[in-house]
Amino acid sequence: MRSETLLKPTDKKNKANTIGIIAFLIVTSILLIRLRVYHFVDTVLFPHWPVALVCGALIGALITFWLKRIEKQGNIKLFVIMTLLSIFFAGAMIAHLNHYLDPNEPVIHTVVIEDKDYERRRRKSFLPGYYEFTVTVDGKTYDIDVPREHYQSCQTGDLYVIEYHTGAFGEPYYIAAGKATDDANPPTP
């Protein structure tokens, strides 16, 4: 008789559970990759991290309990891994909802590109590299992630437009908008 594990399920129910866990991992990865679009003003990784911590711990506990029923064994390592993944999932969801539920119009800033930076990924990585412009807004300097096309078409000293959003949950952030046109206003101090 073949041993049954989460990675090599033998019946239809366990195969469905494995597909569900893989889907959760894929969705979490996509949410985390897209998180770099936002440059939060006063937050390092994602907004409202205490809420994400509580939600992640609850989700991690529920998933661990669910997997314990399937595998018939509990494991503290499984709980820790699922909780950490769930914290990142919840944090990324809060950050994206902060953007998509924001009813306010963004404030447009035209800034000067002070520096350009490109962080290359390993050659065999499926993730793209990161393109950043260093800009100053209201006396504070930020590294704003930009699309590759913007990075390639703009030079240091060019005018660039970024949007300031207040966020639905009160967590302000900046997003790259694009190269400033010739009729754009002068840089905002």
N, C-alpha and C. Protein backbone atom coordinates (compact mmCIF):
# COMPACT_ATOMS: atom_id res chain seq x y z
N MET A 1 0.84 -1.18 0.00
CA MET A 1 0.00 0.00 0.00
C MET A 1 0.88 1.24 0.00
N ARG A 2 0.52 2.17 -0.83
CA ARG A 2 1.30 3.39 -1.01
C ARG A 2 1.04 4.38 0.12
N SER A 3 2.09 5.03 0.58
CA SER A 3 1.97 6.03 1.63
C SER A 3 1.32 7.28 1.05
N GLU A 4 0.44 7.90 1.83
CA GLU A 4 -0.28 9.07 1.36
C GLU A 4 0.27 10.31 2.04
N THR A 5 0.67 11.29 1.25
CA THR A 5 1.13 12.57 1.77
C THR A 5 0.43 13.67 1.02
N LEU A 6 0.62 14.89 1.48
CA LEU A 6 -0.01 16.03 0.84
C LEU A 6 0.50 16.24 -0.57
N LEU A 7 1.78 15.98 -0.80
CA LEU A 7 2.35 16.20 -2.12
C LEU A 7 2.08 15.07 -3.10
N LYS A 8 1.76 13.88 -2.59
CA LYS A 8 1.44 12.74 -3.45
C LYS A 8 0.13 12.11 -2.99
N PRO A 9 -0.98 12.83 -3.20
CA PRO A 9 -2.27 12.29 -2.73
C PRO A 9 -2.71 11.10 -3.56
N THR A 10 -3.45 10.20 -2.91
CA THR A 10 -3.90 9.00 -3.61
C THR A 10 -5.40 9.00 -3.89
N ASP A 11 -6.18 9.81 -3.20
CA ASP A 11 -7.61 9.82 -3.50
C ASP A 11 -8.04 11.21 -3.99
N LYS A 12 -9.26 11.30 -4.50
CA LYS A 12 -9.75 12.53 -5.12
C LYS A 12 -9.86 13.67 -4.12
N LYS A 13 -10.28 13.40 -2.90
CA LYS A 13 -10.43 14.45 -1.90
C LYS A 13 -9.08 15.09 -1.58
N ASN A 14 -8.07 14.27 -1.38
CA ASN A 14 -6.75 14.81 -1.07
C ASN A 14 -6.13 15.52 -2.27
N LYS A 15 -6.44 15.06 -3.49
CA LYS A 15 -5.95 15.77 -4.68
C LYS A 15 -6.57 17.16 -4.75
N ALA A 16 -7.84 17.27 -4.44
CA ALA A 16 -8.51 18.57 -4.43
C ALA A 16 -7.91 19.48 -3.37
N ASN A 17 -7.60 18.94 -2.20
CA ASN A 17 -6.97 19.73 -1.14
C ASN A 17 -5.58 20.21 -1.56
N THR A 18 -4.83 19.34 -2.22
CA THR A 18 -3.49 19.71 -2.69
C THR A 18 -3.60 20.82 -3.73
N ILE A 19 -4.55 20.72 -4.63
CA ILE A 19 -4.76 21.77 -5.64
C ILE A 19 -5.13 23.08 -4.96
N GLY A 20 -5.94 23.03 -3.92
CA GLY A 20 -6.32 24.22 -3.18
C GLY A 20 -5.13 24.90 -2.53
N ILE A 21 -4.24 24.11 -1.94
CA ILE A 21 -3.05 24.67 -1.30
C ILE A 21 -2.11 25.27 -2.34
N ILE A 22 -1.95 24.60 -3.46
CA ILE A 22 -1.09 25.13 -4.53
C ILE A 22 -1.68 26.43 -5.07
N ALA A 23 -3.00 26.49 -5.23
CA ALA A 23 -3.66 27.72 -5.70
C ALA A 23 -3.43 28.85 -4.69
N PHE A 24 -3.53 28.55 -3.39
CA PHE A 24 -3.27 29.55 -2.35
C PHE A 24 -1.84 30.08 -2.47
N LEU A 25 -0.87 29.21 -2.68
CA LEU A 25 0.52 29.63 -2.82
C LEU A 25 0.72 30.50 -4.07
N ILE A 26 0.08 30.13 -5.15
CA ILE A 26 0.22 30.91 -6.39
C ILE A 26 -0.40 32.30 -6.23
N VAL A 27 -1.60 32.36 -5.66
CA VAL A 27 -2.26 33.66 -5.45
C VAL A 27 -1.44 34.53 -4.51
N THR A 28 -0.93 33.96 -3.44
CA THR A 28 -0.09 34.73 -2.50
C THR A 28 1.15 35.26 -3.21
N SER A 29 1.78 34.46 -4.04
CA SER A 29 2.96 34.90 -4.77
C SER A 29 2.64 36.06 -5.70
N ILE A 30 1.55 35.95 -6.43
CA ILE A 30 1.15 37.02 -7.36
C ILE A 30 0.86 38.31 -6.60
N LEU A 31 0.14 38.20 -5.49
CA LEU A 31 -0.17 39.38 -4.69
C LEU A 31 1.10 40.05 -4.16
N LEU A 32 2.06 39.26 -3.73
CA LEU A 32 3.31 39.82 -3.21
C LEU A 32 4.14 40.47 -4.30
N ILE A 33 4.17 39.88 -5.49
CA ILE A 33 4.93 40.47 -6.59
C ILE A 33 4.32 41.82 -6.98
N ARG A 34 3.00 41.89 -7.04
CA ARG A 34 2.33 43.14 -7.42
C ARG A 34 2.39 44.19 -6.33
N LEU A 35 2.78 43.83 -5.12
CA LEU A 35 2.84 44.76 -4.00
C LEU A 35 3.89 45.85 -4.21
N ARG A 36 4.90 45.59 -5.03
CA ARG A 36 5.96 46.57 -5.27
C ARG A 36 5.48 47.80 -6.04
N VAL A 37 4.29 47.74 -6.60
CA VAL A 37 3.75 48.89 -7.33
C VAL A 37 3.54 50.07 -6.39
N TYR A 38 3.16 49.79 -5.14
CA TYR A 38 2.87 50.84 -4.18
C TYR A 38 4.13 51.17 -3.38
N HIS A 39 4.39 52.47 -3.24
CA HIS A 39 5.47 52.89 -2.34
C HIS A 39 4.79 53.62 -1.18
N PHE A 40 4.60 52.90 -0.07
CA PHE A 40 3.91 53.47 1.07
C PHE A 40 4.78 54.51 1.75
N VAL A 41 4.14 55.60 2.17
CA VAL A 41 4.86 56.73 2.72
C VAL A 41 5.48 56.40 4.08
N ASP A 42 4.71 55.83 4.98
CA ASP A 42 5.20 55.59 6.34
C ASP A 42 5.25 54.12 6.72
N THR A 43 5.15 53.22 5.76
CA THR A 43 5.10 51.80 6.04
C THR A 43 6.20 51.10 5.26
N VAL A 44 6.82 50.10 5.86
CA VAL A 44 7.92 49.41 5.20
C VAL A 44 7.43 48.36 4.22
N LEU A 45 6.66 47.40 4.66
CA LEU A 45 6.27 46.29 3.79
C LEU A 45 4.82 46.43 3.31
N PHE A 46 3.88 46.41 4.23
CA PHE A 46 2.49 46.59 3.88
C PHE A 46 1.76 47.29 5.02
N PRO A 47 0.64 47.97 4.67
CA PRO A 47 -0.05 48.73 5.70
C PRO A 47 -0.79 47.84 6.68
N HIS A 48 -1.02 48.40 7.83
CA HIS A 48 -1.79 47.74 8.89
C HIS A 48 -1.26 46.33 9.18
N TRP A 49 0.03 46.23 9.39
CA TRP A 49 0.63 44.91 9.62
C TRP A 49 0.10 44.22 10.87
N PRO A 50 -0.31 44.94 11.94
CA PRO A 50 -0.89 44.20 13.08
C PRO A 50 -2.17 43.44 12.69
N VAL A 51 -2.99 44.06 11.84
CA VAL A 51 -4.20 43.39 11.37
C VAL A 51 -3.82 42.18 10.53
N ALA A 52 -2.81 42.36 9.66
CA ALA A 52 -2.34 41.24 8.83
C ALA A 52 -1.78 40.12 9.70
N LEU A 53 -1.12 40.48 10.79
CA LEU A 53 -0.56 39.48 11.70
C LEU A 53 -1.67 38.65 12.34
N VAL A 54 -2.72 39.31 12.82
CA VAL A 54 -3.83 38.60 13.45
C VAL A 54 -4.57 37.74 12.42
N CYS A 55 -4.87 38.35 11.26
CA CYS A 55 -5.57 37.59 10.20
C CYS A 55 -4.73 36.40 9.75
N GLY A 56 -3.43 36.63 9.57
CA GLY A 56 -2.54 35.56 9.14
C GLY A 56 -2.47 34.43 10.15
N ALA A 57 -2.43 34.78 11.44
CA ALA A 57 -2.39 33.73 12.48
C ALA A 57 -3.68 32.92 12.47
N LEU A 58 -4.81 33.60 12.30
CA LEU A 58 -6.09 32.88 12.24
C LEU A 58 -6.17 31.99 11.01
N ILE A 59 -5.80 32.53 9.86
CA ILE A 59 -5.83 31.74 8.62
C ILE A 59 -4.85 30.56 8.74
N GLY A 60 -3.66 30.82 9.26
CA GLY A 60 -2.68 29.75 9.44
C GLY A 60 -3.18 28.65 10.35
N ALA A 61 -3.84 29.05 11.44
CA ALA A 61 -4.38 28.05 12.37
C ALA A 61 -5.49 27.23 11.71
N LEU A 62 -6.36 27.92 10.94
CA LEU A 62 -7.44 27.19 10.26
C LEU A 62 -6.89 26.23 9.21
N ILE A 63 -5.93 26.68 8.43
CA ILE A 63 -5.35 25.80 7.41
C ILE A 63 -4.63 24.63 8.06
N THR A 64 -3.90 24.89 9.15
CA THR A 64 -3.19 23.81 9.85
C THR A 64 -4.19 22.80 10.41
N PHE A 65 -5.28 23.30 11.02
CA PHE A 65 -6.31 22.39 11.54
C PHE A 65 -6.91 21.57 10.40
N TRP A 66 -7.18 22.22 9.28
CA TRP A 66 -7.75 21.54 8.12
C TRP A 66 -6.79 20.47 7.59
N LEU A 67 -5.49 20.82 7.50
CA LEU A 67 -4.51 19.84 7.02
C LEU A 67 -4.30 18.71 8.03
N LYS A 68 -4.42 19.04 9.32
CA LYS A 68 -4.28 18.00 10.35
C LYS A 68 -5.38 16.95 10.20
N ARG A 69 -6.56 17.40 9.85
CA ARG A 69 -7.67 16.45 9.64
C ARG A 69 -7.40 15.57 8.42
N ILE A 70 -6.75 16.13 7.41
CA ILE A 70 -6.46 15.36 6.20
C ILE A 70 -5.30 14.39 6.45
N GLU A 71 -4.22 14.90 7.01
CA GLU A 71 -2.99 14.12 7.19
C GLU A 71 -3.01 13.27 8.46
N LYS A 72 -3.93 13.54 9.35
CA LYS A 72 -4.04 12.82 10.62
C LYS A 72 -2.82 13.00 11.52
N GLN A 73 -2.13 14.11 11.33
CA GLN A 73 -1.00 14.42 12.22
C GLN A 73 -0.80 15.92 12.28
N GLY A 74 -0.55 16.43 13.47
CA GLY A 74 -0.30 17.85 13.65
C GLY A 74 1.20 18.12 13.62
N ASN A 75 1.55 19.32 13.24
CA ASN A 75 2.95 19.64 13.11
C ASN A 75 3.14 21.13 13.36
N ILE A 76 4.01 21.48 14.28
CA ILE A 76 4.27 22.89 14.60
C ILE A 76 4.94 23.59 13.42
N LYS A 77 5.80 22.87 12.68
CA LYS A 77 6.45 23.47 11.50
C LYS A 77 5.40 23.85 10.45
N LEU A 78 4.42 22.99 10.26
CA LEU A 78 3.35 23.27 9.31
C LEU A 78 2.58 24.51 9.74
N PHE A 79 2.28 24.62 11.03
CA PHE A 79 1.57 25.79 11.54
C PHE A 79 2.37 27.07 11.29
N VAL A 80 3.66 27.06 11.58
CA VAL A 80 4.51 28.24 11.39
C VAL A 80 4.58 28.64 9.92
N ILE A 81 4.79 27.67 9.04
CA ILE A 81 4.88 27.96 7.60
C ILE A 81 3.56 28.52 7.09
N MET A 82 2.46 27.89 7.42
CA MET A 82 1.16 28.35 6.93
C MET A 82 0.80 29.71 7.53
N THR A 83 1.18 29.95 8.77
CA THR A 83 0.91 31.25 9.38
C THR A 83 1.72 32.34 8.70
N LEU A 84 2.99 32.11 8.44
CA LEU A 84 3.81 33.11 7.75
C LEU A 84 3.27 33.41 6.35
N LEU A 85 2.93 32.37 5.62
CA LEU A 85 2.34 32.57 4.29
C LEU A 85 1.03 33.34 4.39
N SER A 86 0.23 33.03 5.38
CA SER A 86 -1.05 33.70 5.55
C SER A 86 -0.88 35.16 5.97
N ILE A 87 0.14 35.46 6.75
CA ILE A 87 0.41 36.86 7.12
C ILE A 87 0.76 37.66 5.87
N PHE A 88 1.61 37.11 5.01
CA PHE A 88 1.94 37.81 3.77
C PHE A 88 0.73 37.93 2.85
N PHE A 89 -0.09 36.88 2.80
CA PHE A 89 -1.32 36.94 2.00
C PHE A 89 -2.24 38.04 2.51
N ALA A 90 -2.49 38.08 3.82
CA ALA A 90 -3.38 39.08 4.40
C ALA A 90 -2.80 40.49 4.23
N GLY A 91 -1.51 40.65 4.43
CA GLY A 91 -0.89 41.96 4.25
C GLY A 91 -0.99 42.47 2.83
N ALA A 92 -0.74 41.58 1.87
CA ALA A 92 -0.84 41.96 0.46
C ALA A 92 -2.29 42.30 0.10
N MET A 93 -3.24 41.53 0.62
CA MET A 93 -4.66 41.82 0.35
C MET A 93 -5.05 43.18 0.91
N ILE A 94 -4.61 43.49 2.12
CA ILE A 94 -4.92 44.79 2.72
C ILE A 94 -4.33 45.91 1.88
N ALA A 95 -3.09 45.74 1.42
CA ALA A 95 -2.45 46.77 0.59
C ALA A 95 -3.20 46.98 -0.72
N HIS A 96 -3.58 45.90 -1.37
CA HIS A 96 -4.32 46.02 -2.64
C HIS A 96 -5.71 46.61 -2.41
N LEU A 97 -6.39 46.21 -1.35
CA LEU A 97 -7.70 46.79 -1.05
C LEU A 97 -7.57 48.26 -0.69
N ASN A 98 -6.49 48.64 -0.03
CA ASN A 98 -6.22 50.04 0.28
C ASN A 98 -6.20 50.87 -1.01
N HIS A 99 -5.70 50.28 -2.08
CA HIS A 99 -5.65 50.98 -3.37
C HIS A 99 -7.00 50.91 -4.10
N TYR A 100 -7.53 49.72 -4.28
CA TYR A 100 -8.72 49.54 -5.11
C TYR A 100 -10.00 50.10 -4.50
N LEU A 101 -10.07 50.23 -3.20
CA LEU A 101 -11.26 50.78 -2.55
C LEU A 101 -11.14 52.28 -2.25
N ASP A 102 -10.03 52.89 -2.63
CA ASP A 102 -9.80 54.31 -2.37
C ASP A 102 -10.72 55.17 -3.24
N PRO A 103 -11.65 55.92 -2.62
CA PRO A 103 -12.58 56.72 -3.40
C PRO A 103 -12.01 58.08 -3.82
N ASN A 104 -10.86 58.46 -3.29
CA ASN A 104 -10.29 59.79 -3.53
C ASN A 104 -9.50 59.84 -4.84
N GLU A 105 -9.51 61.02 -5.44
CA GLU A 105 -8.69 61.25 -6.63
C GLU A 105 -7.23 61.41 -6.20
N PRO A 106 -6.29 60.88 -6.99
CA PRO A 106 -4.88 61.04 -6.63
C PRO A 106 -4.40 62.47 -6.84
N VAL A 107 -3.38 62.83 -6.08
CA VAL A 107 -2.72 64.12 -6.25
C VAL A 107 -1.53 63.88 -7.17
N ILE A 108 -1.46 64.65 -8.24
CA ILE A 108 -0.41 64.48 -9.25
C ILE A 108 0.80 65.33 -8.87
N HIS A 109 1.98 64.72 -8.87
CA HIS A 109 3.23 65.43 -8.63
C HIS A 109 4.13 65.25 -9.84
N THR A 110 4.67 66.35 -10.35
CA THR A 110 5.67 66.27 -11.39
C THR A 110 7.02 66.47 -10.71
N VAL A 111 7.89 65.49 -10.82
CA VAL A 111 9.17 65.50 -10.10
C VAL A 111 10.31 65.30 -11.09
N VAL A 112 11.51 65.57 -10.62
CA VAL A 112 12.72 65.36 -11.42
C VAL A 112 13.31 64.01 -11.04
N ILE A 113 13.68 63.22 -12.03
CA ILE A 113 14.33 61.93 -11.78
C ILE A 113 15.76 62.23 -11.34
N GLU A 114 16.07 61.93 -10.09
CA GLU A 114 17.39 62.21 -9.54
C GLU A 114 18.38 61.08 -9.81
N ASP A 115 17.86 59.86 -9.86
CA ASP A 115 18.73 58.70 -10.09
C ASP A 115 17.87 57.55 -10.61
N LYS A 116 18.53 56.65 -11.31
CA LYS A 116 17.86 55.45 -11.81
C LYS A 116 18.59 54.24 -11.23
N ASP A 117 17.83 53.20 -10.91
CA ASP A 117 18.45 51.99 -10.37
C ASP A 117 17.73 50.78 -10.93
N TYR A 118 18.51 49.75 -11.20
CA TYR A 118 17.95 48.49 -11.70
C TYR A 118 18.51 47.37 -10.85
N GLU A 119 17.63 46.58 -10.28
CA GLU A 119 18.05 45.42 -9.48
C GLU A 119 17.75 44.18 -10.30
N ARG A 120 18.79 43.52 -10.72
CA ARG A 120 18.64 42.35 -11.57
C ARG A 120 18.42 41.10 -10.73
N ARG A 121 17.55 40.25 -11.20
CA ARG A 121 17.32 38.96 -10.55
C ARG A 121 18.33 37.95 -11.07
N ARG A 122 18.39 36.84 -10.39
CA ARG A 122 19.26 35.77 -10.87
C ARG A 122 18.83 35.35 -12.26
N ARG A 123 19.75 34.84 -13.01
CA ARG A 123 19.49 34.48 -14.40
C ARG A 123 18.35 33.48 -14.55
N LYS A 124 18.27 32.51 -13.67
CA LYS A 124 17.26 31.45 -13.80
C LYS A 124 15.95 31.79 -13.09
N SER A 125 15.85 32.97 -12.54
CA SER A 125 14.64 33.35 -11.82
C SER A 125 13.53 33.70 -12.81
N PHE A 126 12.30 33.33 -12.47
CA PHE A 126 11.16 33.67 -13.30
C PHE A 126 10.65 35.08 -12.99
N LEU A 127 11.16 35.70 -11.92
CA LEU A 127 10.73 37.03 -11.54
C LEU A 127 11.50 38.08 -12.33
N PRO A 128 10.83 39.17 -12.72
CA PRO A 128 11.54 40.23 -13.43
C PRO A 128 12.40 41.04 -12.47
N GLY A 129 13.31 41.81 -13.02
CA GLY A 129 14.10 42.72 -12.20
C GLY A 129 13.25 43.90 -11.77
N TYR A 130 13.81 44.73 -10.90
CA TYR A 130 13.10 45.90 -10.42
C TYR A 130 13.73 47.15 -11.00
N TYR A 131 12.91 48.06 -11.47
CA TYR A 131 13.35 49.33 -12.02
C TYR A 131 12.84 50.43 -11.10
N GLU A 132 13.75 51.32 -10.68
CA GLU A 132 13.38 52.36 -9.73
C GLU A 132 13.92 53.71 -10.16
N PHE A 133 13.15 54.76 -9.86
CA PHE A 133 13.61 56.13 -9.98
C PHE A 133 13.68 56.71 -8.58
N THR A 134 14.71 57.47 -8.31
CA THR A 134 14.82 58.20 -7.05
C THR A 134 14.28 59.60 -7.31
N VAL A 135 13.28 59.99 -6.53
CA VAL A 135 12.64 61.29 -6.69
C VAL A 135 12.45 61.92 -5.30
N THR A 136 12.28 63.24 -5.29
CA THR A 136 12.02 63.95 -4.04
C THR A 136 10.66 64.63 -4.14
N VAL A 137 9.83 64.38 -3.14
CA VAL A 137 8.50 64.98 -3.06
C VAL A 137 8.34 65.56 -1.66
N ASP A 138 7.98 66.83 -1.60
CA ASP A 138 7.76 67.51 -0.31
C ASP A 138 8.97 67.37 0.61
N GLY A 139 10.16 67.44 0.05
CA GLY A 139 11.38 67.38 0.84
C GLY A 139 11.82 65.99 1.25
N LYS A 140 11.08 64.95 0.88
CA LYS A 140 11.45 63.58 1.22
C LYS A 140 11.82 62.84 -0.06
N THR A 141 12.86 62.01 0.03
CA THR A 141 13.33 61.26 -1.12
C THR A 141 12.77 59.84 -1.09
N TYR A 142 12.28 59.38 -2.25
CA TYR A 142 11.68 58.06 -2.36
C TYR A 142 12.27 57.33 -3.56
N ASP A 143 12.32 56.02 -3.47
CA ASP A 143 12.64 55.16 -4.60
C ASP A 143 11.33 54.56 -5.08
N ILE A 144 10.87 55.00 -6.25
CA ILE A 144 9.59 54.59 -6.78
C ILE A 144 9.81 53.53 -7.85
N ASP A 145 9.13 52.40 -7.73
CA ASP A 145 9.20 51.36 -8.76
C ASP A 145 8.48 51.85 -10.01
N VAL A 146 9.09 51.60 -11.16
CA VAL A 146 8.52 52.02 -12.43
C VAL A 146 8.54 50.84 -13.40
N PRO A 147 7.67 50.87 -14.41
CA PRO A 147 7.73 49.82 -15.43
C PRO A 147 9.03 49.92 -16.24
N ARG A 148 9.43 48.82 -16.81
CA ARG A 148 10.66 48.77 -17.60
C ARG A 148 10.64 49.79 -18.73
N GLU A 149 9.49 49.97 -19.39
CA GLU A 149 9.39 50.91 -20.50
C GLU A 149 9.70 52.33 -20.04
N HIS A 150 9.22 52.70 -18.85
CA HIS A 150 9.49 54.04 -18.32
C HIS A 150 10.98 54.17 -18.01
N TYR A 151 11.55 53.14 -17.43
CA TYR A 151 12.96 53.15 -17.07
C TYR A 151 13.84 53.36 -18.30
N GLN A 152 13.49 52.68 -19.38
CA GLN A 152 14.30 52.76 -20.60
C GLN A 152 14.11 54.08 -21.34
N SER A 153 12.92 54.69 -21.25
CA SER A 153 12.66 55.91 -22.02
C SER A 153 13.00 57.19 -21.27
N CYS A 154 13.28 57.11 -19.98
CA CYS A 154 13.58 58.31 -19.19
C CYS A 154 15.04 58.31 -18.76
N GLN A 155 15.57 59.51 -18.62
CA GLN A 155 16.95 59.69 -18.17
C GLN A 155 16.97 60.50 -16.88
N THR A 156 18.08 60.45 -16.19
CA THR A 156 18.26 61.27 -15.00
C THR A 156 18.11 62.73 -15.40
N GLY A 157 17.33 63.49 -14.64
CA GLY A 157 17.07 64.89 -14.94
C GLY A 157 15.75 65.12 -15.67
N ASP A 158 15.13 64.07 -16.22
CA ASP A 158 13.84 64.21 -16.89
C ASP A 158 12.74 64.45 -15.86
N LEU A 159 11.65 65.06 -16.33
CA LEU A 159 10.47 65.22 -15.48
C LEU A 159 9.64 63.95 -15.54
N TYR A 160 9.10 63.57 -14.40
CA TYR A 160 8.32 62.33 -14.30
C TYR A 160 7.11 62.61 -13.42
N VAL A 161 6.01 61.95 -13.71
CA VAL A 161 4.77 62.14 -12.97
C VAL A 161 4.53 60.95 -12.04
N ILE A 162 4.28 61.26 -10.77
CA ILE A 162 3.88 60.23 -9.81
C ILE A 162 2.56 60.66 -9.18
N GLU A 163 1.79 59.68 -8.74
CA GLU A 163 0.51 59.95 -8.11
C GLU A 163 0.59 59.65 -6.62
N TYR A 164 0.04 60.56 -5.82
CA TYR A 164 -0.07 60.37 -4.38
C TYR A 164 -1.51 59.97 -4.08
N HIS A 165 -1.69 58.82 -3.47
CA HIS A 165 -3.02 58.32 -3.10
C HIS A 165 -3.12 58.29 -1.58
N THR A 166 -4.28 58.69 -1.05
CA THR A 166 -4.47 58.66 0.41
C THR A 166 -4.79 57.26 0.91
N GLY A 167 -5.34 56.40 0.07
CA GLY A 167 -5.64 55.03 0.46
C GLY A 167 -6.97 54.91 1.18
N ALA A 168 -7.68 53.85 0.92
CA ALA A 168 -8.99 53.62 1.53
C ALA A 168 -8.89 53.43 3.04
N PHE A 169 -7.78 52.89 3.51
CA PHE A 169 -7.61 52.63 4.94
C PHE A 169 -6.68 53.64 5.61
N GLY A 170 -6.46 54.78 4.93
CA GLY A 170 -5.64 55.84 5.51
C GLY A 170 -4.15 55.59 5.42
N GLU A 171 -3.71 54.69 4.56
CA GLU A 171 -2.29 54.44 4.36
C GLU A 171 -1.87 55.06 3.03
N PRO A 172 -1.25 56.25 3.06
CA PRO A 172 -0.88 56.93 1.81
C PRO A 172 0.29 56.24 1.11
N TYR A 173 0.29 56.37 -0.22
CA TYR A 173 1.34 55.75 -1.03
C TYR A 173 1.47 56.49 -2.35
N TYR A 174 2.60 56.24 -3.03
CA TYR A 174 2.87 56.80 -4.34
C TYR A 174 2.87 55.68 -5.37
N ILE A 175 2.46 56.04 -6.60
CA ILE A 175 2.52 55.12 -7.73
C ILE A 175 3.11 55.89 -8.91
N ALA A 176 3.97 55.22 -9.67
CA ALA A 176 4.52 55.82 -10.88
C ALA A 176 3.42 55.97 -11.91
N ALA A 177 3.38 57.15 -12.60
CA ALA A 177 2.34 57.39 -13.60
C ALA A 177 2.91 57.45 -15.01
N GLY A 178 4.07 58.06 -15.18
CA GLY A 178 4.65 58.13 -16.52
C GLY A 178 5.47 59.38 -16.73
N LYS A 179 6.09 59.44 -17.88
CA LYS A 179 6.93 60.58 -18.22
C LYS A 179 6.06 61.82 -18.38
N ALA A 180 6.56 62.93 -17.87
CA ALA A 180 5.83 64.19 -17.97
C ALA A 180 5.86 64.68 -19.41
N THR A 181 4.75 65.25 -19.84
CA THR A 181 4.70 65.81 -21.19
C THR A 181 5.32 67.20 -21.19
N ASP A 182 5.53 67.74 -22.36
CA ASP A 182 6.18 69.06 -22.47
C ASP A 182 5.36 70.17 -21.84
N ASP A 183 4.05 70.03 -21.84
CA ASP A 183 3.20 71.09 -21.26
C ASP A 183 2.92 70.86 -19.77
N ALA A 184 3.67 69.96 -19.15
CA ALA A 184 3.46 69.66 -17.72
C ALA A 184 3.93 70.82 -16.86
N ASN A 185 3.37 70.89 -15.68
CA ASN A 185 3.78 71.91 -14.73
C ASN A 185 5.20 71.69 -14.28
N PRO A 186 5.85 72.73 -13.77
CA PRO A 186 7.19 72.53 -13.24
C PRO A 186 7.16 71.61 -12.04
N PRO A 187 8.31 71.07 -11.65
CA PRO A 187 8.34 70.12 -10.53
C PRO A 187 7.72 70.70 -9.26
N THR A 188 6.98 69.87 -8.57
CA THR A 188 6.39 70.27 -7.31
C THR A 188 7.46 70.24 -6.24
N PRO A 189 7.57 71.30 -5.43
CA PRO A 189 8.63 71.32 -4.40
C PRO A 189 8.40 70.27 -3.34
